[in-house]
N, C-alpha and C. Protein backbone atom coordinates (compact mmCIF):
# COMPACT_ATOMS: atom_id res chain seq x y z
N UNK A 1 45.68 -18.56 -37.18
CA UNK A 1 45.09 -16.76 -37.55
C UNK A 1 44.40 -16.06 -36.55
N UNK A 2 42.57 -16.88 -36.85
CA UNK A 2 41.68 -16.64 -36.63
C UNK A 2 41.27 -16.42 -34.96
N UNK A 3 41.67 -17.72 -34.56
CA UNK A 3 41.69 -18.12 -33.29
C UNK A 3 42.58 -16.75 -32.61
N UNK A 4 43.85 -16.57 -32.80
CA UNK A 4 44.97 -14.96 -32.26
C UNK A 4 43.41 -13.39 -32.13
N UNK A 5 42.64 -13.22 -33.62
CA UNK A 5 41.69 -12.33 -33.71
C UNK A 5 40.38 -12.35 -33.31
N UNK A 6 40.12 -13.93 -32.24
CA UNK A 6 39.01 -13.91 -31.95
C UNK A 6 39.78 -13.94 -29.88
N UNK A 7 40.77 -13.50 -29.90
CA UNK A 7 41.51 -13.44 -28.52
C UNK A 7 41.56 -12.12 -29.10
N UNK A 8 41.94 -11.52 -29.59
CA UNK A 8 42.40 -9.92 -29.29
C UNK A 8 40.58 -9.80 -29.16
N UNK A 9 39.75 -9.67 -30.08
CA UNK A 9 38.53 -8.63 -29.59
C UNK A 9 37.97 -8.83 -27.76
N UNK A 10 38.24 -11.03 -28.36
CA UNK A 10 37.70 -10.76 -26.58
C UNK A 10 38.10 -10.50 -25.64
N UNK A 11 39.66 -9.52 -25.64
CA UNK A 11 40.66 -8.76 -24.87
C UNK A 11 39.67 -7.57 -25.02
N UNK A 12 39.36 -7.28 -26.56
CA UNK A 12 39.04 -5.93 -26.23
C UNK A 12 37.58 -5.59 -25.67
N UNK A 13 37.25 -6.73 -25.74
CA UNK A 13 36.10 -6.79 -25.24
C UNK A 13 35.90 -7.07 -23.31
N UNK A 14 36.63 -7.44 -23.41
CA UNK A 14 36.74 -7.80 -21.51
C UNK A 14 37.06 -6.55 -20.61
N UNK A 15 38.31 -5.67 -21.67
CA UNK A 15 38.24 -4.60 -21.31
C UNK A 15 37.73 -3.62 -21.08
N UNK A 16 36.48 -3.23 -22.44
CA UNK A 16 35.65 -2.72 -22.28
C UNK A 16 33.86 -2.76 -21.31
N UNK A 17 34.02 -4.50 -20.99
CA UNK A 17 33.19 -4.63 -20.33
C UNK A 17 32.77 -3.64 -18.97
N UNK A 18 33.38 -3.31 -17.74
CA UNK A 18 33.32 -2.70 -17.29
C UNK A 18 32.71 -1.41 -16.78
N UNK A 19 32.47 -0.80 -17.78
CA UNK A 19 32.35 0.65 -18.45
C UNK A 19 30.65 0.13 -18.81
N UNK A 20 30.60 -0.62 -19.77
CA UNK A 20 28.98 -1.39 -20.33
C UNK A 20 28.71 -1.36 -19.04
N UNK A 21 28.77 -1.86 -18.35
CA UNK A 21 27.65 -2.87 -16.87
C UNK A 21 27.51 -1.75 -16.37
N UNK A 22 28.43 -0.62 -16.04
CA UNK A 22 27.91 1.01 -15.54
C UNK A 22 27.11 1.93 -15.76
N UNK A 23 27.31 1.53 -17.60
CA UNK A 23 26.28 2.54 -18.09
C UNK A 23 25.20 1.98 -18.32
N UNK A 24 25.23 0.21 -18.49
CA UNK A 24 23.45 -0.23 -17.89
C UNK A 24 23.10 -0.38 -16.27
N UNK A 25 24.15 0.06 -15.71
CA UNK A 25 23.59 0.10 -14.31
C UNK A 25 23.05 1.35 -13.51
N UNK A 26 23.35 2.32 -14.41
CA UNK A 26 22.83 3.74 -14.85
C UNK A 26 21.76 4.28 -14.89
N UNK A 27 21.40 3.34 -15.88
CA UNK A 27 19.98 2.81 -16.70
C UNK A 27 19.03 2.59 -15.51
N UNK A 28 19.20 1.49 -15.33
CA UNK A 28 18.36 0.47 -14.33
C UNK A 28 17.99 1.63 -12.75
N UNK A 29 19.30 2.15 -12.52
CA UNK A 29 19.12 2.87 -11.07
C UNK A 29 18.32 3.80 -11.22
N UNK A 30 18.64 4.68 -11.93
CA UNK A 30 17.28 5.97 -12.50
C UNK A 30 16.40 5.76 -12.50
N UNK A 31 16.02 4.19 -13.34
CA UNK A 31 14.66 3.86 -13.76
C UNK A 31 14.31 3.23 -12.71
N UNK A 32 14.56 2.52 -12.16
CA UNK A 32 13.69 1.59 -11.19
C UNK A 32 14.17 2.13 -9.21
N UNK A 33 15.25 3.02 -9.26
CA UNK A 33 16.02 2.96 -7.71
C UNK A 33 16.80 1.99 -7.30
N UNK A 34 17.53 2.59 -6.62
CA UNK A 34 18.51 1.54 -6.10
C UNK A 34 17.97 -0.42 -5.31
N UNK A 35 16.99 -0.24 -4.43
CA UNK A 35 16.14 -0.86 -3.67
C UNK A 35 15.80 -1.95 -4.79
N UNK A 36 15.10 -1.51 -5.84
CA UNK A 36 14.28 -2.10 -7.37
C UNK A 36 15.24 -3.13 -7.65
N UNK A 37 16.45 -2.54 -8.24
CA UNK A 37 17.50 -2.87 -9.10
C UNK A 37 18.40 -3.93 -8.50
N UNK A 38 18.25 -5.18 -9.50
CA UNK A 38 19.03 -6.66 -9.27
C UNK A 38 19.92 -6.65 -10.42
N UNK A 39 20.53 -7.52 -9.38
CA UNK A 39 22.09 -7.22 -10.19
C UNK A 39 22.04 -8.07 -12.43
N UNK A 40 20.49 -8.83 -11.56
CA UNK A 40 20.12 -9.65 -12.86
C UNK A 40 19.72 -9.12 -14.24
N UNK A 41 18.76 -7.40 -13.49
CA UNK A 41 18.11 -6.15 -14.27
C UNK A 41 19.57 -5.68 -15.18
N UNK A 42 20.79 -5.78 -13.91
CA UNK A 42 22.16 -4.78 -15.58
C UNK A 42 22.22 -5.83 -15.91
N UNK A 43 22.48 -7.15 -15.66
CA UNK A 43 22.85 -7.72 -16.55
C UNK A 43 22.04 -8.47 -17.83
N UNK A 44 21.08 -8.14 -18.04
CA UNK A 44 19.89 -8.45 -18.66
C UNK A 44 20.42 -6.56 -20.12
N UNK A 45 20.04 -5.74 -19.06
CA UNK A 45 20.29 -4.67 -19.77
C UNK A 45 21.88 -4.23 -20.87
N UNK A 46 22.51 -4.66 -19.44
CA UNK A 46 23.73 -4.98 -20.62
C UNK A 46 24.39 -6.34 -22.00
N UNK A 47 23.44 -7.59 -21.49
CA UNK A 47 23.41 -8.22 -22.55
C UNK A 47 24.37 -9.63 -22.57
N UNK A 48 24.36 -9.41 -20.94
CA UNK A 48 25.52 -10.84 -20.13
C UNK A 48 24.57 -11.00 -19.46
N UNK A 49 25.31 -12.05 -18.91
CA UNK A 49 24.83 -13.19 -17.70
C UNK A 49 25.53 -12.54 -16.50
N UNK A 50 24.35 -12.75 -15.82
CA UNK A 50 24.50 -11.78 -13.98
C UNK A 50 26.33 -12.60 -13.61
N UNK A 51 26.16 -14.15 -13.86
CA UNK A 51 27.89 -14.35 -14.05
C UNK A 51 28.91 -13.55 -14.24
N UNK A 52 28.96 -12.96 -15.13
CA UNK A 52 29.55 -11.59 -15.51
C UNK A 52 29.79 -10.55 -15.07
N UNK A 53 28.61 -9.65 -14.59
CA UNK A 53 28.69 -8.79 -13.50
C UNK A 53 28.98 -8.53 -12.26
N UNK A 54 29.24 -10.12 -11.78
CA UNK A 54 29.68 -10.05 -10.16
C UNK A 54 31.62 -10.96 -10.24
N UNK A 55 31.36 -11.10 -12.26
CA UNK A 55 33.09 -10.27 -12.65
C UNK A 55 33.59 -9.75 -12.06
N UNK A 56 33.45 -8.37 -11.87
CA UNK A 56 33.59 -7.24 -11.93
C UNK A 56 33.07 -6.52 -10.42
N UNK A 57 32.42 -6.44 -10.31
CA UNK A 57 31.34 -5.93 -9.26
C UNK A 57 31.02 -7.45 -8.20
N UNK A 58 31.55 -7.30 -7.01
CA UNK A 58 31.29 -7.92 -5.96
C UNK A 58 29.64 -8.15 -5.32
N UNK A 59 29.41 -6.83 -5.59
CA UNK A 59 27.84 -6.26 -4.63
C UNK A 59 27.36 -5.24 -5.80
N UNK A 60 26.05 -5.33 -5.71
CA UNK A 60 24.68 -4.07 -5.72
C UNK A 60 25.42 -2.40 -5.47
N UNK A 61 26.20 -2.35 -4.08
CA UNK A 61 26.43 -1.44 -3.75
C UNK A 61 28.06 -1.06 -4.58
N UNK A 62 28.90 -2.21 -4.61
CA UNK A 62 30.25 -1.47 -5.62
C UNK A 62 29.85 -1.65 -6.76
N UNK A 63 29.35 -2.15 -7.75
CA UNK A 63 28.35 -1.14 -9.11
C UNK A 63 27.94 0.03 -8.38
N UNK A 64 27.25 0.18 -7.91
CA UNK A 64 26.57 1.52 -7.20
C UNK A 64 28.13 2.26 -7.57
N UNK A 65 28.77 2.15 -6.92
CA UNK A 65 29.64 3.30 -6.86
C UNK A 65 30.71 3.56 -7.38
N UNK A 66 30.63 2.29 -8.53
CA UNK A 66 31.29 2.39 -9.73
C UNK A 66 30.60 3.63 -10.77
N UNK A 67 29.18 3.87 -10.50
CA UNK A 67 28.63 4.55 -11.45
C UNK A 67 28.91 5.85 -10.88
N UNK A 68 29.28 5.72 -9.63
CA UNK A 68 28.41 7.29 -9.21
C UNK A 68 30.24 7.92 -9.59
N UNK A 69 31.01 7.46 -9.76
CA UNK A 69 32.27 7.76 -9.95
C UNK A 69 32.35 7.84 -11.23
N UNK A 70 32.42 6.75 -12.05
CA UNK A 70 32.15 7.56 -13.35
C UNK A 70 31.05 8.52 -13.55
N UNK A 71 30.31 8.66 -13.02
CA UNK A 71 29.70 9.61 -13.69
C UNK A 71 29.86 10.88 -13.18
N UNK A 72 30.13 10.98 -12.15
CA UNK A 72 30.77 12.75 -11.32
C UNK A 72 32.25 12.90 -12.01
N UNK A 73 33.28 11.84 -11.35
CA UNK A 73 34.78 12.27 -11.26
C UNK A 73 35.04 12.76 -12.96
N UNK A 74 34.34 12.99 -13.95
CA UNK A 74 35.16 14.03 -14.85
C UNK A 74 34.84 15.31 -14.95
N UNK A 75 33.05 15.72 -14.45
CA UNK A 75 33.07 17.18 -14.09
C UNK A 75 33.79 17.23 -12.69
N UNK A 76 34.28 16.78 -11.83
CA UNK A 76 34.63 17.18 -10.68
C UNK A 76 36.49 17.23 -11.17
N UNK A 77 36.91 16.17 -12.09
CA UNK A 77 38.23 17.31 -12.67
C UNK A 77 38.45 17.99 -13.33
N UNK A 78 37.18 17.92 -14.19
CA UNK A 78 37.08 19.07 -14.72
C UNK A 78 37.19 20.26 -14.54
N UNK A 79 35.93 20.49 -13.85
CA UNK A 79 36.53 22.37 -12.47
C UNK A 79 37.78 22.00 -11.45
N UNK A 80 38.79 20.74 -11.14
CA UNK A 80 39.71 20.82 -10.59
C UNK A 80 40.59 20.94 -11.57
N UNK A 81 40.32 21.16 -12.82
CA UNK A 81 42.23 21.30 -13.68
C UNK A 81 41.17 23.16 -14.14
N UNK A 82 39.75 23.64 -13.77
CA UNK A 82 40.27 24.70 -14.15
C UNK A 82 40.89 25.62 -13.51
N UNK A 83 39.83 25.38 -12.03
CA UNK A 83 40.52 26.49 -10.86
C UNK A 83 42.08 25.96 -11.09
N UNK A 84 42.42 24.89 -11.06
CA UNK A 84 43.62 24.87 -10.64
C UNK A 84 44.70 25.75 -12.14
N UNK A 85 44.85 26.01 -13.13
CA UNK A 85 44.99 26.61 -13.70
C UNK A 85 44.07 27.82 -14.32
N UNK A 86 43.82 28.67 -13.71
CA UNK A 86 43.01 29.62 -14.33
C UNK A 86 44.25 31.16 -13.64
N UNK A 87 44.34 31.82 -14.67
CA UNK A 87 45.39 32.82 -14.46
C UNK A 87 44.69 33.99 -13.48
N UNK A 88 42.94 34.44 -14.20
CA UNK A 88 42.22 35.59 -14.06
C UNK A 88 42.24 36.13 -12.32
N UNK A 89 41.04 37.47 -12.61
CA UNK A 89 40.57 37.16 -11.42
C UNK A 89 39.51 35.85 -10.69
N UNK A 90 39.22 36.07 -9.82
CA UNK A 90 38.72 35.64 -8.56
C UNK A 90 37.11 34.65 -9.29
N UNK A 91 36.89 36.43 -9.32
CA UNK A 91 35.38 36.45 -9.49
C UNK A 91 34.95 35.86 -11.20
N UNK A 92 36.26 35.95 -12.06
CA UNK A 92 35.20 35.49 -13.37
C UNK A 92 35.77 33.65 -13.56
N UNK A 93 36.44 33.09 -12.29
CA UNK A 93 36.22 32.02 -11.67
C UNK A 93 35.17 31.07 -12.15
N UNK A 94 34.58 31.82 -10.70
CA UNK A 94 33.34 31.40 -10.07
C UNK A 94 32.09 31.24 -11.29
N UNK A 95 32.60 32.72 -12.06
CA UNK A 95 31.16 32.48 -13.22
C UNK A 95 31.84 31.52 -14.35
N UNK A 96 32.88 31.70 -14.35
CA UNK A 96 32.98 30.19 -15.26
C UNK A 96 33.02 28.46 -14.78
N UNK A 97 33.22 28.78 -13.46
CA UNK A 97 32.84 27.67 -12.65
C UNK A 97 31.45 26.88 -13.01
N UNK A 98 30.86 27.70 -12.67
CA UNK A 98 29.32 27.22 -12.78
C UNK A 98 28.54 27.48 -13.85
N UNK A 99 29.68 27.67 -15.14
CA UNK A 99 29.42 27.50 -15.97
C UNK A 99 30.19 26.20 -16.59
N UNK A 100 30.71 25.71 -15.54
CA UNK A 100 31.48 23.81 -16.62
C UNK A 100 30.07 23.14 -15.65
N UNK A 101 29.93 23.60 -14.11
CA UNK A 101 28.88 22.81 -13.46
C UNK A 101 27.18 22.56 -13.90
N UNK A 102 26.94 23.50 -14.80
CA UNK A 102 25.20 24.12 -15.12
C UNK A 102 25.87 23.11 -16.66
N UNK A 103 26.96 22.56 -17.02
CA UNK A 103 27.02 21.41 -17.97
C UNK A 103 26.59 20.04 -17.16
N UNK A 104 27.28 20.00 -16.10
CA UNK A 104 26.70 18.50 -15.72
C UNK A 104 26.10 18.87 -15.37
N UNK A 105 24.47 19.43 -15.06
CA UNK A 105 23.31 19.12 -15.50
C UNK A 105 22.40 18.36 -16.28
N UNK A 106 23.33 18.20 -17.48
CA UNK A 106 22.66 17.98 -18.90
C UNK A 106 23.05 16.44 -18.56
N UNK A 107 23.76 15.90 -17.66
CA UNK A 107 25.23 14.46 -16.87
C UNK A 107 24.07 13.82 -16.57
N UNK A 108 24.28 12.05 -16.54
CA UNK A 108 24.07 12.23 -14.77
C UNK A 108 23.97 12.69 -13.31
N UNK A 109 24.17 12.61 -13.12
CA UNK A 109 24.23 13.97 -12.08
C UNK A 109 23.42 13.87 -11.24
N UNK A 110 21.38 14.52 -12.17
CA UNK A 110 20.75 14.96 -11.25
C UNK A 110 19.86 13.29 -10.57
N UNK A 111 19.92 12.41 -11.93
CA UNK A 111 19.27 11.36 -11.25
C UNK A 111 20.03 10.47 -10.61
N UNK A 112 21.14 10.70 -9.89
CA UNK A 112 21.68 9.73 -9.24
C UNK A 112 21.89 10.89 -7.68
N UNK A 113 21.48 11.77 -8.00
CA UNK A 113 21.59 12.70 -6.65
C UNK A 113 19.98 12.94 -6.19
N UNK A 114 18.88 12.58 -7.30
CA UNK A 114 17.77 12.14 -6.77
C UNK A 114 17.73 10.75 -5.83
N UNK A 115 18.26 10.01 -6.63
CA UNK A 115 18.47 8.07 -6.15
C UNK A 115 18.68 8.75 -5.25
N UNK A 116 20.29 9.02 -4.50
CA UNK A 116 20.71 9.40 -3.60
C UNK A 116 20.27 8.91 -2.11
N UNK A 117 18.95 10.93 -2.65
CA UNK A 117 18.42 11.24 -1.98
C UNK A 117 17.20 10.48 -1.42
N UNK A 118 16.55 10.21 -1.97
CA UNK A 118 14.71 9.10 -1.72
C UNK A 118 15.45 7.63 -1.21
N UNK A 119 16.87 7.02 -1.47
CA UNK A 119 17.19 5.99 -0.85
C UNK A 119 18.76 6.08 0.69
N UNK A 120 18.73 6.91 0.45
CA UNK A 120 19.73 7.27 1.52
C UNK A 120 19.47 6.25 3.28
N UNK A 121 18.25 6.53 3.64
CA UNK A 121 17.00 6.62 4.41
C UNK A 121 17.32 5.35 5.30
N UNK A 122 17.17 3.97 3.90
CA UNK A 122 17.25 2.44 4.24
C UNK A 122 18.42 2.65 3.55
N UNK A 123 19.50 3.02 2.94
CA UNK A 123 21.08 3.00 2.51
C UNK A 123 21.73 3.56 3.30
N UNK A 124 22.45 3.95 4.24
CA UNK A 124 22.60 5.05 4.70
C UNK A 124 24.46 5.22 4.10
N UNK A 125 24.44 4.01 3.55
CA UNK A 125 26.05 3.40 3.00
C UNK A 125 25.90 4.68 1.49
N UNK A 126 25.12 4.62 0.74
CA UNK A 126 24.93 5.74 -0.15
C UNK A 126 24.90 7.02 0.01
N UNK A 127 24.63 7.45 0.92
CA UNK A 127 24.54 9.18 1.36
C UNK A 127 26.31 9.28 2.03
N UNK A 128 26.77 8.26 2.29
CA UNK A 128 28.45 8.28 3.03
C UNK A 128 29.15 8.44 1.44
N UNK A 129 28.68 7.44 0.58
CA UNK A 129 29.35 7.18 -0.85
C UNK A 129 29.36 8.62 -1.55
N UNK A 130 27.77 9.10 -1.31
CA UNK A 130 28.01 9.80 -1.83
C UNK A 130 28.27 11.65 -1.12
N UNK A 131 28.94 11.58 0.39
CA UNK A 131 29.69 12.71 0.60
C UNK A 131 30.80 12.49 0.52
N UNK A 132 31.23 10.98 0.24
CA UNK A 132 32.58 11.43 0.08
C UNK A 132 33.53 11.42 -1.06
N UNK A 133 32.58 11.06 -2.41
CA UNK A 133 33.30 11.07 -3.53
C UNK A 133 32.89 12.15 -3.66
N UNK A 134 31.95 12.64 -3.95
CA UNK A 134 30.64 14.43 -4.54
C UNK A 134 31.25 15.86 -3.31
N UNK A 135 30.24 15.19 -2.45
CA UNK A 135 30.56 16.45 -1.44
C UNK A 135 31.38 17.02 -1.37
N UNK A 136 32.81 15.83 -0.13
CA UNK A 136 33.88 16.41 0.25
C UNK A 136 34.65 17.12 -0.85
N UNK A 137 34.84 16.33 -2.18
CA UNK A 137 35.81 17.17 -2.81
C UNK A 137 35.38 18.27 -2.88
N UNK A 138 34.01 18.35 -3.75
CA UNK A 138 32.75 19.06 -4.55
C UNK A 138 33.12 20.75 -3.21
N UNK A 139 32.74 20.85 -1.55
CA UNK A 139 32.84 21.22 -1.22
C UNK A 139 34.55 22.17 -0.89
N UNK A 140 35.10 21.08 -1.18
CA UNK A 140 37.09 21.82 -0.34
C UNK A 140 36.70 22.52 -1.52
N UNK A 141 36.83 22.01 -3.36
CA UNK A 141 37.56 22.63 -4.80
C UNK A 141 36.04 24.22 -4.82
N UNK A 142 35.57 24.33 -3.82
CA UNK A 142 34.59 25.80 -3.71
C UNK A 142 35.30 26.79 -2.13
N UNK A 143 35.86 25.58 -1.34
CA UNK A 143 36.71 25.98 -0.47
C UNK A 143 37.88 27.13 -0.39
N UNK A 144 38.21 26.21 -1.92
CA UNK A 144 39.36 26.47 -2.04
C UNK A 144 39.61 28.24 -3.39
N UNK A 145 38.58 28.47 -4.21
CA UNK A 145 38.28 29.31 -4.39
C UNK A 145 37.95 30.19 -3.12
N UNK A 146 37.14 30.23 -2.86
CA UNK A 146 37.16 31.42 -2.26
C UNK A 146 37.89 32.11 -0.75
N UNK A 147 39.19 30.64 -1.36
CA UNK A 147 40.56 31.04 -0.03
C UNK A 147 41.40 31.84 -0.97
N UNK A 148 41.36 31.43 -2.19
CA UNK A 148 41.99 31.97 -3.46
C UNK A 148 41.47 33.75 -2.99
N UNK A 149 40.22 34.08 -3.45
CA UNK A 149 39.76 35.46 -3.83
C UNK A 149 39.88 36.01 -2.50
N UNK A 150 40.14 35.51 -1.43
CA UNK A 150 40.63 36.40 0.08
C UNK A 150 42.03 36.58 -0.01
N UNK A 151 42.80 35.73 -0.78
CA UNK A 151 44.14 36.13 -0.75
C UNK A 151 44.68 37.16 -0.94
N UNK A 152 44.17 36.57 -3.04
CA UNK A 152 44.29 37.90 -3.92
C UNK A 152 43.34 39.83 -3.35
N UNK A 153 43.18 39.72 -2.21
CA UNK A 153 42.42 41.02 -1.19
C UNK A 153 41.04 40.85 -2.59
N UNK A 154 40.73 39.76 -3.74
CA UNK A 154 39.08 40.13 -3.95
C UNK A 154 38.47 40.34 -3.40
N UNK A 155 38.18 39.14 -2.16
CA UNK A 155 37.29 38.64 -1.39
C UNK A 155 37.56 39.42 0.40
N UNK A 156 36.36 39.60 0.58
CA UNK A 156 36.45 39.85 1.87
C UNK A 156 36.91 38.67 2.63
N UNK A 157 37.06 39.42 4.04
CA UNK A 157 37.82 38.22 4.91
C UNK A 157 36.51 37.51 5.30
N UNK A 158 36.23 35.84 4.92
CA UNK A 158 34.93 35.00 5.06
C UNK A 158 35.99 33.79 5.43
N UNK A 159 35.23 33.06 5.81
CA UNK A 159 35.30 31.17 7.02
C UNK A 159 34.81 30.67 5.24
N UNK A 160 35.72 30.16 4.26
CA UNK A 160 35.72 30.03 3.15
C UNK A 160 35.28 28.03 3.45
N UNK A 161 35.37 27.60 4.69
CA UNK A 161 34.61 27.10 5.31
C UNK A 161 33.45 26.29 4.94
N UNK A 162 31.98 28.05 5.18
CA UNK A 162 31.10 28.26 5.60
C UNK A 162 30.20 28.44 4.49
N UNK A 163 31.24 29.47 3.24
CA UNK A 163 30.65 29.59 2.37
C UNK A 163 30.67 29.00 1.03
N UNK A 164 31.04 27.63 0.97
CA UNK A 164 31.66 26.45 0.21
C UNK A 164 30.49 26.33 -0.75
N UNK A 165 29.71 26.06 0.57
CA UNK A 165 28.08 25.40 0.36
C UNK A 165 26.99 26.04 -0.69
N UNK A 166 27.48 27.22 0.08
CA UNK A 166 26.37 28.35 -0.50
C UNK A 166 26.72 29.03 -2.45
N UNK A 167 28.46 28.65 -2.55
CA UNK A 167 28.62 28.40 -4.50
C UNK A 167 27.86 27.28 -5.07
N UNK A 168 28.33 25.85 -4.27
CA UNK A 168 27.10 24.80 -4.69
C UNK A 168 25.63 24.26 -4.69
N UNK A 169 24.93 25.29 -3.72
CA UNK A 169 23.91 24.68 -3.27
C UNK A 169 22.78 25.22 -4.56
N UNK A 170 22.52 25.86 -5.91
CA UNK A 170 21.71 26.20 -7.05
C UNK A 170 22.05 25.06 -7.81
N UNK A 171 23.14 24.25 -7.41
CA UNK A 171 23.25 23.16 -9.51
C UNK A 171 22.37 22.11 -8.81
N UNK A 172 22.77 21.83 -7.11
CA UNK A 172 22.33 20.50 -6.19
C UNK A 172 20.47 20.77 -6.86
N UNK A 173 19.89 22.29 -6.15
CA UNK A 173 18.26 22.31 -6.16
C UNK A 173 17.91 22.22 -7.44
N UNK A 174 19.19 23.05 -8.51
CA UNK A 174 18.29 22.15 -10.51
C UNK A 174 18.19 21.29 -10.52
N UNK A 175 19.68 20.56 -10.40
CA UNK A 175 19.20 19.15 -10.59
C UNK A 175 18.58 18.29 -9.98
N UNK A 176 18.03 18.53 -8.97
CA UNK A 176 17.13 18.44 -7.90
C UNK A 176 15.71 18.50 -8.62
N UNK A 177 15.34 19.83 -9.37
CA UNK A 177 14.75 20.10 -9.78
C UNK A 177 13.86 19.23 -10.96
N UNK A 178 15.07 19.26 -12.17
CA UNK A 178 14.83 18.37 -13.30
C UNK A 178 14.51 17.33 -12.78
N UNK A 179 14.97 16.33 -12.19
CA UNK A 179 13.85 15.29 -12.06
C UNK A 179 13.19 15.12 -10.79
N UNK A 180 12.99 15.81 -10.50
CA UNK A 180 11.76 15.69 -8.99
C UNK A 180 10.53 16.57 -9.51
N UNK A 181 10.69 17.89 -9.06
CA UNK A 181 9.32 18.71 -9.06
C UNK A 181 9.18 18.97 -10.98
N UNK A 182 10.40 19.37 -11.32
CA UNK A 182 10.12 20.45 -12.78
C UNK A 182 9.28 19.22 -13.76
N UNK A 183 9.03 17.76 -12.87
CA UNK A 183 8.61 17.25 -14.37
C UNK A 183 6.72 17.00 -13.82
N UNK A 184 6.47 17.45 -12.98
CA UNK A 184 5.62 17.40 -12.45
C UNK A 184 4.45 18.97 -12.00
N UNK A 185 4.80 19.79 -13.02
CA UNK A 185 4.49 21.01 -12.68
C UNK A 185 4.81 21.71 -14.10
N UNK A 186 3.66 22.77 -14.30
CA UNK A 186 4.58 23.70 -15.66
C UNK A 186 5.10 24.69 -15.32
N UNK A 187 5.56 24.75 -13.45
CA UNK A 187 6.31 25.81 -13.45
C UNK A 187 8.22 26.19 -13.97
N UNK A 188 8.33 26.64 -14.61
CA UNK A 188 9.52 26.63 -15.45
C UNK A 188 10.87 27.50 -14.58
N UNK A 189 12.02 26.81 -14.83
CA UNK A 189 13.91 27.05 -13.90
C UNK A 189 14.86 27.33 -15.14
N UNK A 190 15.12 28.77 -15.31
CA UNK A 190 15.51 28.99 -16.05
C UNK A 190 17.18 28.43 -15.40
N UNK A 191 17.86 27.49 -15.76
CA UNK A 191 18.67 27.49 -15.32
C UNK A 191 20.40 28.25 -15.15
N UNK A 192 20.21 28.93 -16.34
CA UNK A 192 21.48 29.24 -17.49
C UNK A 192 21.07 30.92 -16.81
N UNK A 193 19.48 31.52 -16.55
CA UNK A 193 19.75 32.77 -15.99
C UNK A 193 19.90 32.63 -14.15
N UNK A 194 19.78 31.33 -14.01
CA UNK A 194 19.35 31.41 -12.03
C UNK A 194 21.14 31.37 -11.80
N UNK A 195 21.42 30.75 -11.87
CA UNK A 195 23.14 30.46 -12.00
C UNK A 195 23.57 31.45 -12.75
N UNK A 196 23.64 32.10 -12.86
CA UNK A 196 24.19 33.88 -13.91
C UNK A 196 24.20 34.31 -12.65
N UNK A 197 22.68 35.01 -12.06
CA UNK A 197 22.28 36.10 -11.11
C UNK A 197 23.31 35.26 -10.11
N UNK A 198 23.03 34.15 -9.29
CA UNK A 198 23.66 33.72 -9.01
C UNK A 198 25.26 33.82 -7.91
N UNK A 199 25.75 33.82 -9.49
CA UNK A 199 27.20 34.41 -9.05
C UNK A 199 27.39 35.72 -8.77
N UNK A 200 26.57 36.62 -9.54
CA UNK A 200 26.91 37.64 -9.39
C UNK A 200 26.18 38.10 -8.06
N UNK A 201 25.50 37.26 -7.15
CA UNK A 201 24.81 37.71 -6.41
C UNK A 201 25.81 37.41 -5.15
N UNK A 202 26.28 36.25 -5.45
CA UNK A 202 27.48 35.91 -4.26
C UNK A 202 28.37 36.48 -3.97
N UNK A 203 29.00 37.13 -5.46
CA UNK A 203 30.01 38.09 -6.29
C UNK A 203 29.76 39.30 -4.83
N UNK A 204 28.66 40.09 -5.21
CA UNK A 204 28.37 41.44 -4.67
C UNK A 204 28.66 40.83 -2.46
N UNK A 205 28.47 40.10 -2.89
CA UNK A 205 28.36 39.68 -0.98
C UNK A 205 30.28 39.64 -0.87
N UNK A 206 30.46 38.97 -1.05
CA UNK A 206 32.04 38.22 -1.17
C UNK A 206 32.92 39.58 -1.51
N UNK A 207 32.80 40.80 -2.43
CA UNK A 207 33.19 41.75 -2.88
C UNK A 207 33.68 42.48 -1.27
N UNK A 208 35.14 42.38 -1.90
CA UNK A 208 36.09 43.09 -0.53
C UNK A 208 35.60 44.74 -0.77
N UNK A 209 35.39 45.12 -2.09
CA UNK A 209 35.04 46.43 -2.28
C UNK A 209 33.68 46.74 -2.65
N UNK A 210 33.00 48.22 -1.89
CA UNK A 210 32.23 48.11 -2.94
C UNK A 210 31.61 48.38 -3.17
N UNK A 211 32.69 49.21 -4.18
CA UNK A 211 32.44 49.80 -5.34
C UNK A 211 32.86 48.28 -6.67
N UNK A 212 31.81 46.88 -6.71
CA UNK A 212 32.01 46.11 -7.20
C UNK A 212 31.84 46.05 -8.15
N UNK A 213 32.86 45.41 -9.14
CA UNK A 213 32.37 45.67 -10.70
C UNK A 213 31.59 44.69 -11.95
N UNK A 214 30.70 44.97 -12.40
CA UNK A 214 29.94 44.38 -12.02
C UNK A 214 30.31 43.24 -13.90
N UNK A 215 29.56 41.93 -13.65
CA UNK A 215 30.11 41.31 -15.27
C UNK A 215 30.04 42.17 -16.29
N UNK A 216 30.19 42.24 -16.98
CA UNK A 216 30.32 43.20 -18.62
C UNK A 216 29.25 42.66 -19.37
N UNK A 217 28.24 43.55 -19.34
CA UNK A 217 26.82 43.60 -19.92
C UNK A 217 25.94 43.75 -18.96
N UNK A 218 26.61 43.49 -17.80
CA UNK A 218 25.51 44.32 -17.24
C UNK A 218 25.41 45.59 -15.99
N UNK A 219 24.64 46.45 -15.71
CA UNK A 219 24.22 47.18 -14.68
C UNK A 219 24.56 47.26 -13.03
């Protein structure tokens, strides 16, 4: 009976191990950077041996890929579900989506974005990973929103692929500000106010009618 219980406990622990290693790796990468982080550091942080890390991840690059996917995918999936299920006007969808993306700034996204930008010169595979996992999917989602607005007659005719990066740009800027410039200056950025104003500015520019209805409470 004791042996069975131990086996079950080990099985549960084994199932949880990859997520524990990913969480430990995120902390190490954010603190030391990609180049300076060793798998030994991750193992120590996770309280396991280096051999255990290799049991689940064959290289530091594969571990970093797992970190990116674990940190970013939930927010992207939440955004995708919102876009697919949304029944209201497209301007309200844009406002709601930016609110969702604002919450991502509280998570690991800013730290990982900073790391990728800092390390991409020496490790171009990190930039390619970020482009495939984050940018490509994010731009496609924004493009879908713009296409929706044009098809419904809410937005003027524009090139959705060109507009898509404009929707995401402030989120990236605010993320970098949080983990770069914002730590070294007394300047303050109100990300909620910035994203709200960004939504209204973009929506006015995309509006099919000059008589653009502002969000309730705005003049």
